């Protein structure tokens, strides 16, 4: 009988303890140990060298990770809360930081940073040495075959078609019989010698006057030989039709936007054939902007799904006829695109 009383007592104590636990945790049997972060602090140390580099430091009690929105469409998750980010362009940015607990509870805070970015020329050709174009900077595409656009010229590597003299590069299209073609010209490429990704590039040029000439200043993705076109991406910084010498256009080509489907905008440059103008591209991870004399007229939003986040090479050429050259003036003999410089800023 004594043993029975002890057993009943043990059972009652066990049941009472279980009841207390059930009451304490709400009856679910699981204790919520996830605590929301508190005391979030964010600071920014802007580099004094005007490179756009900023070191952010975030801290919070009970935070497991910190998610940064740098205010320009770029995001990064940093467990430590400390990250250095380089802004490609000057401006004032609202930076938002979210501190998260292990279970996903969060707190956020925003700060404003003003960035000064001073670009430096890291590659250029000023075309100041008379003779053939600098072989350390330029090569050639040569041959005929229409180049996918029904063009009628034969591209050569002769100084008859591309030469530096009196401070400018002169790409000259000529009417002459050459290897079965009725016209010659030149197409200079920087592939294998100079490539660029992001930054700013400027080309100061004067365009040919004659109907039927198709001058172009543009870039192709350096992986062109491996992935083909338009997967490699194409940036047409300046093109001009053979029938309207008062306008220039800027176009982007990439998968889904090939041939005539690429986003294109034109702008009036009434002295394009009589005066030099600066044709530019500003390019970063969020956008590509095409300009004339510093005025942006064509913009494309950039993202990781587009091919504009890899190295590209430069192309300078004058085509004859074809899709944008159109009908060639029957009195045509020669047409010249002069290039004063090509400058890349980073």
Protein backbone atom coordinates (compact mmCIF):
# COMPACT_ATOMS: atom_id res chain seq x y z
CA UNK A 1 0.00 0.00 0.00
CA UNK A 2 2.88 2.34 0.82
CA UNK A 3 4.48 1.66 -2.60
CA UNK A 4 1.17 2.45 -4.35
CA UNK A 5 0.95 5.85 -2.60
CA UNK A 6 4.49 6.75 -3.72
CA UNK A 7 3.72 5.80 -7.35
CA UNK A 8 0.56 7.90 -7.38
CA UNK A 9 2.50 10.84 -5.94
CA UNK A 10 5.19 10.58 -8.65
CA UNK A 11 2.52 10.53 -11.36
CA UNK A 12 0.81 13.60 -9.91
CA UNK A 13 4.11 15.55 -9.75
CA UNK A 14 4.96 14.57 -13.36
CA UNK A 15 1.54 15.62 -14.61
CA UNK A 16 1.76 18.92 -12.75
CA UNK A 17 5.19 19.67 -14.26
CA UNK A 18 3.93 18.87 -17.77
CA UNK A 19 0.93 21.13 -17.22
CA UNK A 20 3.21 24.00 -16.13
CA UNK A 21 5.40 23.57 -19.24
CA UNK A 22 2.38 23.46 -21.51
CA UNK A 23 1.03 26.63 -19.95
CA UNK A 24 4.38 28.40 -20.23
CA UNK A 25 4.86 27.80 -23.93
CA UNK A 26 1.24 28.39 -24.90
CA UNK A 27 0.34 24.77 -25.24
CA UNK A 28 2.40 24.15 -28.38
CA UNK A 29 5.38 22.55 -26.76
CA UNK A 30 7.87 24.82 -28.68
CA UNK A 31 9.66 27.77 -27.12
CA UNK A 32 10.18 30.76 -29.50
CA UNK A 33 13.84 31.67 -29.16
CA UNK A 34 14.03 34.02 -32.21
CA UNK A 35 14.50 37.60 -31.06
CA UNK A 36 14.15 40.57 -33.39
CA UNK A 37 17.32 42.67 -33.88
CA UNK A 38 17.58 45.96 -32.05
CA UNK A 39 19.93 48.95 -31.84
CA UNK A 40 20.78 49.01 -35.57
CA UNK A 41 23.57 51.43 -36.42
CA UNK A 42 24.95 52.22 -39.90
CA UNK A 43 27.97 54.35 -40.78
CA UNK A 44 29.77 55.18 -44.04
CA UNK A 45 33.44 55.95 -44.62
CA UNK A 46 33.82 57.59 -48.06
CA UNK A 47 37.29 57.26 -49.64
CA UNK A 48 39.06 60.60 -49.97
CA UNK A 49 40.55 59.76 -53.39
CA UNK A 50 37.24 60.32 -55.25
CA UNK A 51 37.20 56.78 -56.63
CA UNK A 52 33.61 56.27 -55.45
CA UNK A 53 34.67 53.69 -52.87
CA UNK A 54 32.68 53.59 -49.60
CA UNK A 55 33.11 51.28 -46.60
CA UNK A 56 29.84 50.69 -44.79
CA UNK A 57 29.67 49.33 -41.24
CA UNK A 58 26.41 48.09 -39.76
CA UNK A 59 25.82 46.57 -36.33
CA UNK A 60 22.80 45.40 -34.36
CA UNK A 61 21.98 43.27 -31.35
CA UNK A 62 20.71 39.77 -32.28
CA UNK A 63 21.42 40.26 -36.03
CA UNK A 64 22.61 37.29 -38.10
CA UNK A 65 22.94 39.05 -41.50
CA UNK A 66 22.78 42.52 -43.00
CA UNK A 67 21.21 43.22 -46.39
CA UNK A 68 22.45 46.33 -48.20
CA UNK A 69 20.56 48.29 -50.86
CA UNK A 70 23.18 50.73 -52.17
CA UNK A 71 20.55 53.02 -53.67
CA UNK A 72 21.42 52.39 -57.32
CA UNK A 73 19.81 49.02 -57.97
CA UNK A 74 22.69 47.02 -56.46
CA UNK A 75 22.17 44.75 -53.44
CA UNK A 76 24.46 42.65 -51.23
CA UNK A 77 24.03 40.45 -48.15
CA UNK A 78 26.86 40.64 -45.61
CA UNK A 79 26.91 38.48 -42.45
CA UNK A 80 29.53 40.68 -40.78
CA UNK A 81 27.79 43.96 -41.57
CA UNK A 82 30.98 45.43 -43.04
CA UNK A 83 31.25 45.89 -46.81
CA UNK A 84 33.15 48.09 -49.26
CA UNK A 85 31.29 49.16 -52.40
CA UNK A 86 32.54 51.30 -55.28
CA UNK A 87 29.98 53.58 -56.91
CA UNK A 88 30.63 53.92 -60.66
CA UNK A 89 29.01 57.35 -60.85
CA UNK A 90 28.91 60.46 -58.71
CA UNK A 91 25.66 61.32 -56.97
CA UNK A 92 23.68 61.25 -53.74
CA UNK A 93 22.38 57.80 -52.81
CA UNK A 94 19.94 56.60 -50.14
CA UNK A 95 21.42 53.43 -48.67
CA UNK A 96 19.06 51.08 -46.85
CA UNK A 97 20.29 48.35 -44.51
CA UNK A 98 18.12 45.51 -43.18
CA UNK A 99 19.35 43.57 -40.13
CA UNK A 100 17.85 40.08 -39.90
CA UNK A 101 17.74 37.52 -37.09
CA UNK A 102 18.28 33.80 -37.66
CA UNK A 103 14.53 33.33 -37.91
CA UNK A 104 13.96 36.23 -40.27
CA UNK A 105 12.84 38.96 -37.92
CA UNK A 106 14.17 42.29 -39.09
CA UNK A 107 14.82 45.95 -38.51
CA UNK A 108 15.96 48.52 -41.09
CA UNK A 109 17.69 51.87 -41.29
CA UNK A 110 18.59 54.27 -44.13
CA UNK A 111 21.42 56.77 -44.50
CA UNK A 112 22.36 59.15 -47.31
CA UNK A 113 25.81 59.31 -48.93
CA UNK A 114 27.10 61.84 -51.45
CA UNK A 115 29.76 60.44 -53.75
CA UNK A 116 32.32 62.28 -55.88
CA UNK A 117 33.83 60.20 -58.67
CA UNK A 118 36.77 61.56 -60.63
CA UNK A 119 37.45 59.54 -63.76
CA UNK A 120 40.92 59.16 -65.24
CA UNK A 121 41.88 58.27 -68.80
CA UNK A 122 43.21 54.72 -68.63
CA UNK A 123 43.46 54.06 -72.39
CA UNK A 124 43.44 56.33 -75.41
CA UNK A 125 44.61 56.89 -78.95
CA UNK A 126 45.19 60.55 -79.80
CA UNK A 127 46.26 59.74 -83.40
CA UNK A 128 49.27 62.04 -83.26
CA UNK A 129 51.82 59.80 -85.01
CA UNK A 130 51.59 59.87 -88.81
CA UNK A 131 51.44 56.58 -90.66
CA UNK A 132 49.41 53.39 -90.22
CA UNK A 133 47.16 53.17 -87.13
CA UNK A 134 49.05 52.06 -84.02
CA UNK A 135 49.37 48.27 -84.33
CA UNK A 136 49.52 47.90 -80.54
CA UNK A 137 46.01 49.34 -80.33
CA UNK A 138 44.25 48.42 -83.57
CA UNK A 139 43.85 45.48 -85.88
CA UNK A 140 41.59 45.02 -88.92
CA UNK A 141 38.62 43.09 -90.15
CA UNK A 142 39.26 42.49 -93.84
CA UNK A 143 37.30 41.09 -96.77
CA UNK A 144 33.94 41.49 -98.49
CA UNK A 145 30.76 39.41 -98.45
CA UNK A 146 28.24 41.98 -97.24
CA UNK A 147 29.01 41.59 -93.51
CA UNK A 148 25.42 40.53 -92.84
CA UNK A 149 24.04 43.89 -94.02
CA UNK A 150 24.35 43.72 -97.85
CA UNK A 151 27.31 46.11 -97.76
CA UNK A 152 29.26 46.40 -101.00
CA UNK A 153 32.77 47.44 -99.88
CA UNK A 154 35.91 45.37 -99.44
CA UNK A 155 37.63 46.13 -96.12
CA UNK A 156 41.43 46.33 -96.43
CA UNK A 157 44.36 46.93 -94.11
CA UNK A 158 46.00 49.42 -96.49
CA UNK A 159 46.95 52.96 -95.58
CA UNK A 160 44.91 53.92 -98.67
CA UNK A 161 41.86 53.20 -96.48
CA UNK A 162 43.12 53.89 -92.94
CA UNK A 163 45.93 56.29 -92.11
CA UNK A 164 46.93 58.76 -89.40
CA UNK A 165 47.93 62.22 -90.59
CA UNK A 166 47.87 65.75 -89.20
CA UNK A 167 46.49 64.63 -85.85
CA UNK A 168 43.53 62.51 -86.97
CA UNK A 169 42.77 58.99 -88.08
CA UNK A 170 41.24 59.00 -91.56
CA UNK A 171 39.10 56.04 -92.60
CA UNK A 172 38.54 56.48 -96.32
CA UNK A 173 35.98 54.72 -98.48
CA UNK A 174 36.92 54.70 -102.17
CA UNK A 175 35.28 53.80 -105.43
CA UNK A 176 37.70 51.34 -107.04
CA UNK A 177 37.72 47.77 -108.29
CA UNK A 178 39.33 45.57 -105.67
CA UNK A 179 39.11 41.77 -105.43
CA UNK A 180 35.71 41.74 -107.10
CA UNK A 181 34.27 44.67 -105.14
CA UNK A 182 33.53 48.15 -106.51
CA UNK A 183 34.46 49.96 -103.31
CA UNK A 184 37.09 49.73 -100.56
CA UNK A 185 37.18 50.96 -96.99
CA UNK A 186 38.58 50.00 -93.57
CA UNK A 187 37.23 48.51 -90.35
CA UNK A 188 39.53 48.95 -87.36
CA UNK A 189 39.04 46.74 -84.30
CA UNK A 190 40.68 46.76 -80.86
CA UNK A 191 39.99 43.05 -80.22
CA UNK A 192 42.93 41.35 -78.52
CA UNK A 193 44.55 44.74 -77.83
CA UNK A 194 42.05 46.79 -75.83
CA UNK A 195 38.80 45.77 -74.18
CA UNK A 196 36.67 47.62 -71.67
CA UNK A 197 33.87 47.00 -69.19
CA UNK A 198 31.92 49.87 -67.61
CA UNK A 199 33.31 53.38 -67.37
CA UNK A 200 33.07 56.07 -70.04
CA UNK A 201 34.36 56.14 -73.60
CA UNK A 202 34.46 59.18 -75.89
CA UNK A 203 35.23 59.36 -79.60
CA UNK A 204 35.59 62.74 -81.30
CA UNK A 205 34.85 62.42 -84.99
CA UNK A 206 33.71 64.14 -88.21
CA UNK A 207 31.59 62.03 -90.56
CA UNK A 208 31.61 61.59 -94.36
CA UNK A 209 29.25 63.75 -96.42
CA UNK A 210 28.42 61.51 -99.35
CA UNK A 211 25.13 59.65 -99.83
CA UNK A 212 25.56 55.91 -99.46
CA UNK A 213 28.29 56.08 -96.78
CA UNK A 214 27.52 54.33 -93.49
CA UNK A 215 29.96 55.41 -90.74
CA UNK A 216 29.86 53.59 -87.40
CA UNK A 217 31.52 53.78 -84.00
CA UNK A 218 30.54 50.73 -81.98
CA UNK A 219 31.50 47.79 -79.74
CA UNK A 220 31.00 44.03 -79.67
CA UNK A 221 31.28 41.62 -76.74
CA UNK A 222 34.74 40.06 -76.59
CA UNK A 223 33.17 36.58 -76.47
CA UNK A 224 31.75 37.10 -79.96
CA UNK A 225 33.75 34.22 -81.47
CA UNK A 226 32.46 31.77 -78.85
CA UNK A 227 28.79 32.70 -78.38
CA UNK A 228 27.99 34.48 -81.65
CA UNK A 229 25.76 37.47 -82.27
CA UNK A 230 23.57 38.85 -80.70
CA UNK A 231 24.39 36.75 -77.60
CA UNK A 232 27.68 38.66 -77.25
CA UNK A 233 25.88 42.02 -77.22
CA UNK A 234 26.43 45.06 -79.44
CA UNK A 235 26.60 48.74 -78.51
CA UNK A 236 26.25 51.17 -81.42
CA UNK A 237 27.60 54.39 -79.97
CA UNK A 238 27.16 56.22 -83.29
CA UNK A 239 25.72 55.21 -86.63
CA UNK A 240 24.62 57.39 -89.51
CA UNK A 241 22.50 56.41 -92.50
CA UNK A 242 23.58 57.10 -96.04
CA UNK A 243 20.54 59.24 -96.75
CA UNK A 244 20.28 61.54 -93.70
CA UNK A 245 23.50 63.28 -92.76
CA UNK A 246 21.81 65.55 -90.23
CA UNK A 247 21.13 62.81 -87.70
CA UNK A 248 22.99 60.07 -85.83
CA UNK A 249 21.59 57.14 -83.87
CA UNK A 250 22.47 54.92 -80.92
CA UNK A 251 21.34 51.29 -80.75
CA UNK A 252 21.69 48.22 -78.52
CA UNK A 253 21.53 44.62 -79.74
CA UNK A 254 21.20 41.54 -77.53
CA UNK A 255 19.14 38.31 -77.49
CA UNK A 256 15.57 39.08 -78.54
CA UNK A 257 16.63 42.45 -79.98
CA UNK A 258 18.64 41.65 -83.09
CA UNK A 259 18.66 43.18 -86.58
CA UNK A 260 16.14 46.02 -86.80
CA UNK A 261 14.58 45.17 -83.43
CA UNK A 262 17.33 46.68 -81.29
CA UNK A 263 16.27 49.68 -79.17
CA UNK A 264 17.24 52.72 -81.29
CA UNK A 265 17.03 56.47 -80.81
CA UNK A 266 18.22 59.26 -83.09
CA UNK A 267 19.25 62.84 -82.48
CA UNK A 268 19.91 65.79 -84.78
CA UNK A 269 23.53 66.75 -85.41
CA UNK A 270 23.25 69.16 -88.32
CA UNK A 271 27.03 69.71 -88.58
CA UNK A 272 28.03 66.05 -88.26
CA UNK A 273 29.89 66.15 -91.61
CA UNK A 274 31.46 69.61 -91.30
CA UNK A 275 32.58 69.70 -87.65
CA UNK A 276 33.92 67.34 -85.01
CA UNK A 277 31.51 66.09 -82.38
CA UNK A 278 32.09 63.89 -79.33
CA UNK A 279 30.18 60.61 -79.32
CA UNK A 280 30.10 58.99 -75.89
CA UNK A 281 29.01 55.99 -73.86
CA UNK A 282 28.62 55.90 -70.08
CA UNK A 283 28.22 52.34 -68.87
CA UNK A 284 27.80 50.62 -65.50
CA UNK A 285 25.96 47.66 -63.98
CA UNK A 286 22.64 49.52 -63.98
CA UNK A 287 22.54 51.45 -67.25
CA UNK A 288 24.12 52.35 -70.60
CA UNK A 289 23.85 55.96 -71.80
CA UNK A 290 24.74 57.18 -75.29
CA UNK A 291 25.45 60.87 -75.83
CA UNK A 292 26.55 63.51 -78.34
CA UNK A 293 28.68 66.37 -77.02
CA UNK A 294 27.79 65.33 -73.46
CA UNK A 295 24.02 65.31 -74.01
CA UNK A 296 22.50 61.87 -73.33
CA UNK A 297 19.75 60.90 -75.77
CA UNK A 298 19.63 57.10 -75.55
CA UNK A 299 19.52 54.99 -72.37
CA UNK A 300 19.16 51.26 -71.72
CA UNK A 301 18.60 49.74 -68.26
CA UNK A 302 21.24 47.10 -67.55
CA UNK A 303 20.86 43.94 -65.46
CA UNK A 304 22.43 40.51 -65.00
CA UNK A 305 20.21 39.03 -67.74
CA UNK A 306 21.80 41.18 -70.45
CA UNK A 307 25.25 40.63 -72.00
CA UNK A 308 26.42 44.13 -71.03
CA UNK A 309 28.38 43.02 -67.98
CA UNK A 310 31.48 41.66 -69.71
CA UNK A 311 34.38 42.99 -71.77
CA UNK A 312 33.73 44.66 -75.15
CA UNK A 313 36.10 45.82 -77.91
CA UNK A 314 35.93 48.93 -80.12
CA UNK A 315 35.18 49.08 -83.85
CA UNK A 316 35.58 52.08 -86.19
CA UNK A 317 34.46 51.71 -89.81
CA UNK A 318 32.83 53.22 -92.88
CA UNK A 319 30.62 50.85 -94.86
CA UNK A 320 29.16 51.46 -98.32
CA UNK A 321 25.53 50.83 -99.20
CA UNK A 322 23.73 48.05 -97.40
CA UNK A 323 20.95 48.26 -94.82
CA UNK A 324 21.79 51.72 -93.48
CA UNK A 325 24.01 52.97 -96.29
CA UNK A 326 21.25 52.76 -98.88
CA UNK A 327 21.68 54.03 -102.42
CA UNK A 328 25.19 55.23 -103.20
CA UNK A 329 25.60 58.54 -105.00
CA UNK A 330 26.56 57.65 -108.60
CA UNK A 331 29.14 60.46 -108.51
CA UNK A 332 30.80 59.10 -105.38
CA UNK A 333 34.59 58.82 -105.47
CA UNK A 334 35.78 59.04 -101.84
CA UNK A 335 34.30 59.60 -98.38
CA UNK A 336 36.22 60.08 -95.14
CA UNK A 337 35.46 59.68 -91.42
CA UNK A 338 38.05 61.55 -89.38
CA UNK A 339 38.66 60.56 -85.76
CA UNK A 340 40.46 63.04 -83.51
CA UNK A 341 40.74 60.69 -80.51
CA UNK A 342 39.35 57.67 -78.67
CA UNK A 343 39.50 58.01 -74.86
CA UNK A 344 38.46 55.57 -72.18
CA UNK A 345 37.84 56.86 -68.65
CA UNK A 346 37.62 54.64 -65.59
